[in-house]
Amino acid sequence: MSAERLLLVDDDSLRSMLDAALSHHGFDVTPVDNGRDALARVGMLGPDLVVLDVMMPEIGRLRVVPPPAG
């Protein structure tokens, strides 16, 4: 079984700490530091989980995460 793919989106030093901790626990982590890169990578990677800083500059949470259907 392959490691779960995780896209980690954060613009500060917490990203490095989370990357190291999650990688240590067997996740295949792709860290990015802004919403634009997150949008580009999510389509390419098809991650199992996205961990997203909701207070990011440029493209914030509401523009990265689409509203729920219905």
PDB file of N, CA and C in Angstrom:
ATOM      1  N   MET A   1       0.847  -1.183   0.000  1.00  0.00           N
ATOM      2  CA  MET A   1       0.000   0.000   0.000  1.00  0.00           C
ATOM      3  C   MET A   1       0.889   1.242   0.000  1.00  0.00           C
ATOM      4  N   SER A   2       0.581   2.188  -0.850  1.00  0.00           N
ATOM      5  CA  SER A   2       1.394   3.399  -0.937  1.00  0.00           C
ATOM      6  C   SER A   2       0.990   4.393   0.147  1.00  0.00           C
ATOM      7  N   ALA A   3       1.904   5.320   0.417  1.00  0.00           N
ATOM      8  CA  ALA A   3       1.639   6.348   1.420  1.00  0.00           C
ATOM      9  C   ALA A   3       0.520   7.263   0.941  1.00  0.00           C
ATOM     10  N   GLU A   4      -0.245   7.756   1.880  1.00  0.00           N
ATOM     11  CA  GLU A   4      -1.300   8.710   1.538  1.00  0.00           C
ATOM     12  C   GLU A   4      -0.656  10.017   1.107  1.00  0.00           C
ATOM     13  N   ARG A   5      -1.173  10.585   0.010  1.00  0.00           N
ATOM     14  CA  ARG A   5      -0.645  11.844  -0.525  1.00  0.00           C
ATOM     15  C   ARG A   5      -1.314  13.014   0.184  1.00  0.00           C
ATOM     16  N   LEU A   6      -0.491  13.924   0.670  1.00  0.00           N
ATOM     17  CA  LEU A   6      -0.986  15.064   1.418  1.00  0.00           C
ATOM     18  C   LEU A   6      -0.400  16.339   0.816  1.00  0.00           C
ATOM     19  N   LEU A   7      -1.255  17.292   0.499  1.00  0.00           N
ATOM     20  CA  LEU A   7      -0.816  18.607   0.030  1.00  0.00           C
ATOM     21  C   LEU A   7      -0.883  19.554   1.219  1.00  0.00           C
ATOM     22  N   LEU A   8       0.260  20.094   1.606  1.00  0.00           N
ATOM     23  CA  LEU A   8       0.378  20.967   2.768  1.00  0.00           C
ATOM     24  C   LEU A   8       0.566  22.397   2.287  1.00  0.00           C
ATOM     25  N   VAL A   9      -0.396  23.259   2.583  1.00  0.00           N
ATOM     26  CA  VAL A   9      -0.388  24.635   2.078  1.00  0.00           C
ATOM     27  C   VAL A   9      -0.314  25.598   3.257  1.00  0.00           C
ATOM     28  N   ASP A  10       0.848  26.222   3.420  1.00  0.00           N
ATOM     29  CA  ASP A  10       1.038  27.174   4.510  1.00  0.00           C
ATOM     30  C   ASP A  10       2.154  28.124   4.110  1.00  0.00           C
ATOM     31  N   ASP A  11       2.045  29.378   4.528  1.00  0.00           N
ATOM     32  CA  ASP A  11       3.016  30.386   4.116  1.00  0.00           C
ATOM     33  C   ASP A  11       4.019  30.753   5.202  1.00  0.00           C
ATOM     34  N   ASP A  12       4.097  29.982   6.282  1.00  0.00           N
ATOM     35  CA  ASP A  12       5.037  30.350   7.335  1.00  0.00           C
ATOM     36  C   ASP A  12       5.863  29.154   7.796  1.00  0.00           C
ATOM     37  N   SER A  13       6.630  29.356   8.863  1.00  0.00           N
ATOM     38  CA  SER A  13       7.562  28.335   9.334  1.00  0.00           C
ATOM     39  C   SER A  13       6.869  27.068   9.839  1.00  0.00           C
ATOM     40  N   LEU A  14       5.612  27.148  10.142  1.00  0.00           N
ATOM     41  CA  LEU A  14       4.868  25.966  10.578  1.00  0.00           C
ATOM     42  C   LEU A  14       4.861  24.897   9.488  1.00  0.00           C
ATOM     43  N   ARG A  15       4.927  25.312   8.234  1.00  0.00           N
ATOM     44  CA  ARG A  15       4.925  24.371   7.117  1.00  0.00           C
ATOM     45  C   ARG A  15       6.084  23.380   7.227  1.00  0.00           C
ATOM     46  N   SER A  16       7.268  23.856   7.551  1.00  0.00           N
ATOM     47  CA  SER A  16       8.439  22.978   7.663  1.00  0.00           C
ATOM     48  C   SER A  16       8.270  21.970   8.787  1.00  0.00           C
ATOM     49  N   MET A  17       7.759  22.429   9.911  1.00  0.00           N
ATOM     50  CA  MET A  17       7.557  21.537  11.046  1.00  0.00           C
ATOM     51  C   MET A  17       6.504  20.474  10.729  1.00  0.00           C
ATOM     52  N   LEU A  18       5.390  20.892  10.134  1.00  0.00           N
ATOM     53  CA  LEU A  18       4.343  19.937   9.770  1.00  0.00           C
ATOM     54  C   LEU A  18       4.825  18.960   8.705  1.00  0.00           C
ATOM     55  N   ASP A  19       5.582  19.450   7.745  1.00  0.00           N
ATOM     56  CA  ASP A  19       6.134  18.593   6.694  1.00  0.00           C
ATOM     57  C   ASP A  19       6.983  17.487   7.319  1.00  0.00           C
ATOM     58  N   ALA A  20       7.885  17.862   8.210  1.00  0.00           N
ATOM     59  CA  ALA A  20       8.767  16.882   8.850  1.00  0.00           C
ATOM     60  C   ALA A  20       7.976  15.873   9.682  1.00  0.00           C
ATOM     61  N   ALA A  21       7.027  16.364  10.472  1.00  0.00           N
ATOM     62  CA  ALA A  21       6.252  15.475  11.343  1.00  0.00           C
ATOM     63  C   ALA A  21       5.384  14.513  10.539  1.00  0.00           C
ATOM     64  N   LEU A  22       4.700  15.022   9.530  1.00  0.00           N
ATOM     65  CA  LEU A  22       3.818  14.170   8.728  1.00  0.00           C
ATOM     66  C   LEU A  22       4.615  13.181   7.883  1.00  0.00           C
ATOM     67  N   SER A  23       5.744  13.606   7.349  1.00  0.00           N
ATOM     68  CA  SER A  23       6.612  12.697   6.593  1.00  0.00           C
ATOM     69  C   SER A  23       7.131  11.585   7.497  1.00  0.00           C
ATOM     70  N   HIS A  24       7.493  11.943   8.717  1.00  0.00           N
ATOM     71  CA  HIS A  24       7.977  10.965   9.695  1.00  0.00           C
ATOM     72  C   HIS A  24       6.923   9.888   9.974  1.00  0.00           C
ATOM     73  N   HIS A  25       5.666  10.265   9.899  1.00  0.00           N
ATOM     74  CA  HIS A  25       4.571   9.324  10.162  1.00  0.00           C
ATOM     75  C   HIS A  25       4.073   8.632   8.893  1.00  0.00           C
ATOM     76  N   GLY A  26       4.835   8.728   7.813  1.00  0.00           N
ATOM     77  CA  GLY A  26       4.548   7.937   6.630  1.00  0.00           C
ATOM     78  C   GLY A  26       3.742   8.594   5.530  1.00  0.00           C
ATOM     79  N   PHE A  27       3.409   9.866   5.687  1.00  0.00           N
ATOM     80  CA  PHE A  27       2.673  10.559   4.631  1.00  0.00           C
ATOM     81  C   PHE A  27       3.628  11.000   3.525  1.00  0.00           C
ATOM     82  N   ASP A  28       3.143  11.010   2.302  1.00  0.00           N
ATOM     83  CA  ASP A  28       3.872  11.548   1.157  1.00  0.00           C
ATOM     84  C   ASP A  28       3.444  13.011   1.039  1.00  0.00           C
ATOM     85  N   VAL A  29       4.238  13.919   1.619  1.00  0.00           N
ATOM     86  CA  VAL A  29       3.866  15.329   1.757  1.00  0.00           C
ATOM     87  C   VAL A  29       4.445  16.164   0.620  1.00  0.00           C
ATOM     88  N   THR A  30       3.592  16.981   0.008  1.00  0.00           N
ATOM     89  CA  THR A  30       4.034  17.991  -0.951  1.00  0.00           C
ATOM     90  C   THR A  30       3.723  19.351  -0.334  1.00  0.00           C
ATOM     91  N   PRO A  31       4.757  20.077   0.122  1.00  0.00           N
ATOM     92  CA  PRO A  31       4.514  21.388   0.720  1.00  0.00           C
ATOM     93  C   PRO A  31       4.515  22.490  -0.338  1.00  0.00           C
ATOM     94  N   VAL A  32       3.581  23.420  -0.225  1.00  0.00           N
ATOM     95  CA  VAL A  32       3.564  24.626  -1.058  1.00  0.00           C
ATOM     96  C   VAL A  32       3.287  25.816  -0.147  1.00  0.00           C
ATOM     97  N   ASP A  33       3.693  27.005  -0.594  1.00  0.00           N
ATOM     98  CA  ASP A  33       3.593  28.157   0.299  1.00  0.00           C
ATOM     99  C   ASP A  33       2.576  29.212  -0.111  1.00  0.00           C
ATOM    100  N   ASN A  34       1.727  28.901  -1.103  1.00  0.00           N
ATOM    101  CA  ASN A  34       0.707  29.887  -1.471  1.00  0.00           C
ATOM    102  C   ASN A  34      -0.459  29.216  -2.192  1.00  0.00           C
ATOM    103  N   GLY A  35      -1.559  29.933  -2.264  1.00  0.00           N
ATOM    104  CA  GLY A  35      -2.778  29.400  -2.858  1.00  0.00           C
ATOM    105  C   GLY A  35      -2.675  29.116  -4.344  1.00  0.00           C
ATOM    106  N   ARG A  36      -1.906  29.927  -5.053  1.00  0.00           N
ATOM    107  CA  ARG A  36      -1.746  29.692  -6.503  1.00  0.00           C
ATOM    108  C   ARG A  36      -1.074  28.345  -6.770  1.00  0.00           C
ATOM    109  N   ASP A  37      -0.006  28.075  -6.040  1.00  0.00           N
ATOM    110  CA  ASP A  37       0.670  26.786  -6.202  1.00  0.00           C
ATOM    111  C   ASP A  37      -0.232  25.637  -5.756  1.00  0.00           C
ATOM    112  N   ALA A  38      -1.023  25.871  -4.724  1.00  0.00           N
ATOM    113  CA  ALA A  38      -1.946  24.832  -4.248  1.00  0.00           C
ATOM    114  C   ALA A  38      -2.937  24.458  -5.343  1.00  0.00           C
ATOM    115  N   LEU A  39      -3.503  25.457  -5.998  1.00  0.00           N
ATOM    116  CA  LEU A  39      -4.461  25.183  -7.073  1.00  0.00           C
ATOM    117  C   LEU A  39      -3.811  24.407  -8.211  1.00  0.00           C
ATOM    118  N   ALA A  40      -2.581  24.749  -8.551  1.00  0.00           N
ATOM    119  CA  ALA A  40      -1.880  24.049  -9.630  1.00  0.00           C
ATOM    120  C   ALA A  40      -1.556  22.611  -9.235  1.00  0.00           C
ATOM    121  N   ARG A  41      -1.118  22.418  -8.010  1.00  0.00           N
ATOM    122  CA  ARG A  41      -0.682  21.093  -7.569  1.00  0.00           C
ATOM    123  C   ARG A  41      -1.835  20.140  -7.283  1.00  0.00           C
ATOM    124  N   VAL A  42      -2.951  20.654  -6.811  1.00  0.00           N
ATOM    125  CA  VAL A  42      -4.046  19.747  -6.451  1.00  0.00           C
ATOM    126  C   VAL A  42      -4.534  18.978  -7.674  1.00  0.00           C
ATOM    127  N   GLY A  43      -4.552  19.629  -8.834  1.00  0.00           N
ATOM    128  CA  GLY A  43      -4.961  18.943 -10.055  1.00  0.00           C
ATOM    129  C   GLY A  43      -3.941  17.931 -10.527  1.00  0.00           C
ATOM    130  N   MET A  44      -2.666  18.239 -10.343  1.00  0.00           N
ATOM    131  CA  MET A  44      -1.594  17.338 -10.779  1.00  0.00           C
ATOM    132  C   MET A  44      -1.429  16.145  -9.847  1.00  0.00           C
ATOM    133  N   LEU A  45      -1.522  16.388  -8.547  1.00  0.00           N
ATOM    134  CA  LEU A  45      -1.214  15.351  -7.567  1.00  0.00           C
ATOM    135  C   LEU A  45      -2.402  14.464  -7.204  1.00  0.00           C
ATOM    136  N   GLY A  46      -3.597  15.040  -7.203  1.00  0.00           N
ATOM    137  CA  GLY A  46      -4.754  14.291  -6.723  1.00  0.00           C
ATOM    138  C   GLY A  46      -4.542  13.822  -5.294  1.00  0.00           C
ATOM    139  N   PRO A  47      -4.246  14.755  -4.369  1.00  0.00           N
ATOM    140  CA  PRO A  47      -3.925  14.347  -3.002  1.00  0.00           C
ATOM    141  C   PRO A  47      -5.126  13.719  -2.293  1.00  0.00           C
ATOM    142  N   ASP A  48      -4.817  12.872  -1.310  1.00  0.00           N
ATOM    143  CA  ASP A  48      -5.856  12.274  -0.479  1.00  0.00           C
ATOM    144  C   ASP A  48      -6.376  13.282   0.544  1.00  0.00           C
ATOM    145  N   LEU A  49      -5.518  14.224   0.917  1.00  0.00           N
ATOM    146  CA  LEU A  49      -5.867  15.216   1.927  1.00  0.00           C
ATOM    147  C   LEU A  49      -5.133  16.516   1.628  1.00  0.00           C
ATOM    148  N   VAL A  50      -5.812  17.647   1.860  1.00  0.00           N
ATOM    149  CA  VAL A  50      -5.188  18.964   1.744  1.00  0.00           C
ATOM    150  C   VAL A  50      -5.271  19.625   3.110  1.00  0.00           C
ATOM    151  N   VAL A  51      -4.113  20.020   3.643  1.00  0.00           N
ATOM    152  CA  VAL A  51      -4.047  20.781   4.888  1.00  0.00           C
ATOM    153  C   VAL A  51      -3.756  22.210   4.466  1.00  0.00           C
ATOM    154  N   LEU A  52      -4.707  23.117   4.762  1.00  0.00           N
ATOM    155  CA  LEU A  52      -4.664  24.464   4.207  1.00  0.00           C
ATOM    156  C   LEU A  52      -4.746  25.525   5.296  1.00  0.00           C
ATOM    157  N   ASP A  53      -3.797  26.451   5.291  1.00  0.00           N
ATOM    158  CA  ASP A  53      -3.821  27.618   6.169  1.00  0.00           C
ATOM    159  C   ASP A  53      -4.934  28.543   5.673  1.00  0.00           C
ATOM    160  N   VAL A  54      -5.897  28.847   6.524  1.00  0.00           N
ATOM    161  CA  VAL A  54      -7.046  29.652   6.092  1.00  0.00           C
ATOM    162  C   VAL A  54      -6.751  31.152   6.051  1.00  0.00           C
ATOM    163  N   MET A  55      -5.604  31.579   6.533  1.00  0.00           N
ATOM    164  CA  MET A  55      -5.273  33.005   6.580  1.00  0.00           C
ATOM    165  C   MET A  55      -4.153  33.362   5.601  1.00  0.00           C
ATOM    166  N   MET A  56      -4.098  32.699   4.468  1.00  0.00           N
ATOM    167  CA  MET A  56      -3.017  32.935   3.519  1.00  0.00           C
ATOM    168  C   MET A  56      -3.247  34.186   2.683  1.00  0.00           C
ATOM    169  N   PRO A  57      -2.129  34.862   2.319  1.00  0.00           N
ATOM    170  CA  PRO A  57      -2.250  36.000   1.408  1.00  0.00           C
ATOM    171  C   PRO A  57      -2.478  35.518  -0.024  1.00  0.00           C
ATOM    172  N   GLU A  58      -2.624  36.436  -0.944  1.00  0.00           N
ATOM    173  CA  GLU A  58      -2.857  36.171  -2.373  1.00  0.00           C
ATOM    174  C   GLU A  58      -4.208  35.512  -2.601  1.00  0.00           C
ATOM    175  N   ILE A  59      -4.223  34.200  -2.572  1.00  0.00           N
ATOM    176  CA  ILE A  59      -5.479  33.475  -2.768  1.00  0.00           C
ATOM    177  C   ILE A  59      -5.817  32.805  -1.451  1.00  0.00           C
ATOM    178  N   GLY A  60      -6.821  33.307  -0.779  1.00  0.00           N
ATOM    179  CA  GLY A  60      -7.203  32.763   0.514  1.00  0.00           C
ATOM    180  C   GLY A  60      -8.050  31.511   0.396  1.00  0.00           C
ATOM    181  N   ARG A  61      -8.434  30.994   1.521  1.00  0.00           N
ATOM    182  CA  ARG A  61      -9.182  29.743   1.618  1.00  0.00           C
ATOM    183  C   ARG A  61     -10.427  29.737   0.753  1.00  0.00           C
ATOM    184  N   LEU A  62     -11.165  30.822   0.738  1.00  0.00           N
ATOM    185  CA  LEU A  62     -12.432  30.830   0.008  1.00  0.00           C
ATOM    186  C   LEU A  62     -12.246  30.753  -1.500  1.00  0.00           C
ATOM    187  N   ARG A  63     -11.076  31.105  -1.995  1.00  0.00           N
ATOM    188  CA  ARG A  63     -10.833  31.007  -3.436  1.00  0.00           C
ATOM    189  C   ARG A  63     -10.143  29.706  -3.805  1.00  0.00           C
ATOM    190  N   VAL A  64      -9.505  29.042  -2.854  1.00  0.00           N
ATOM    191  CA  VAL A  64      -8.845  27.766  -3.118  1.00  0.00           C
ATOM    192  C   VAL A  64      -9.838  26.621  -2.998  1.00  0.00           C
ATOM    193  N   VAL A  65     -10.657  26.668  -1.967  1.00  0.00           N
ATOM    194  CA  VAL A  65     -11.614  25.594  -1.704  1.00  0.00           C
ATOM    195  C   VAL A  65     -12.970  25.983  -2.279  1.00  0.00           C
ATOM    196  N   PRO A  66     -13.493  25.207  -3.217  1.00  0.00           N
ATOM    197  CA  PRO A  66     -14.803  25.545  -3.787  1.00  0.00           C
ATOM    198  C   PRO A  66     -15.915  25.361  -2.760  1.00  0.00           C
ATOM    199  N   PRO A  67     -17.006  26.107  -2.892  1.00  0.00           N
ATOM    200  CA  PRO A  67     -18.124  25.942  -1.961  1.00  0.00           C
ATOM    201  C   PRO A  67     -18.748  24.562  -2.126  1.00  0.00           C
ATOM    202  N   PRO A  68     -19.355  24.031  -1.061  1.00  0.00           N
ATOM    203  CA  PRO A  68     -19.987  22.714  -1.159  1.00  0.00           C
ATOM    204  C   PRO A  68     -21.152  22.728  -2.142  1.00  0.00           C
ATOM    205  N   ALA A  69     -21.343  21.622  -2.814  1.00  0.00           N
ATOM    206  CA  ALA A  69     -22.454  21.496  -3.771  1.00  0.00           C
ATOM    207  C   ALA A  69     -23.776  21.404  -3.022  1.00  0.00           C
ATOM    208  N   GLY A  70     -24.806  21.912  -3.657  1.00  0.00           N
ATOM    209  CA  GLY A  70     -26.140  21.760  -3.094  1.00  0.00           C
ATOM    210  C   GLY A  70     -26.548  22.925  -2.339  1.00  0.00           C
TER     211      GLY A  70
END
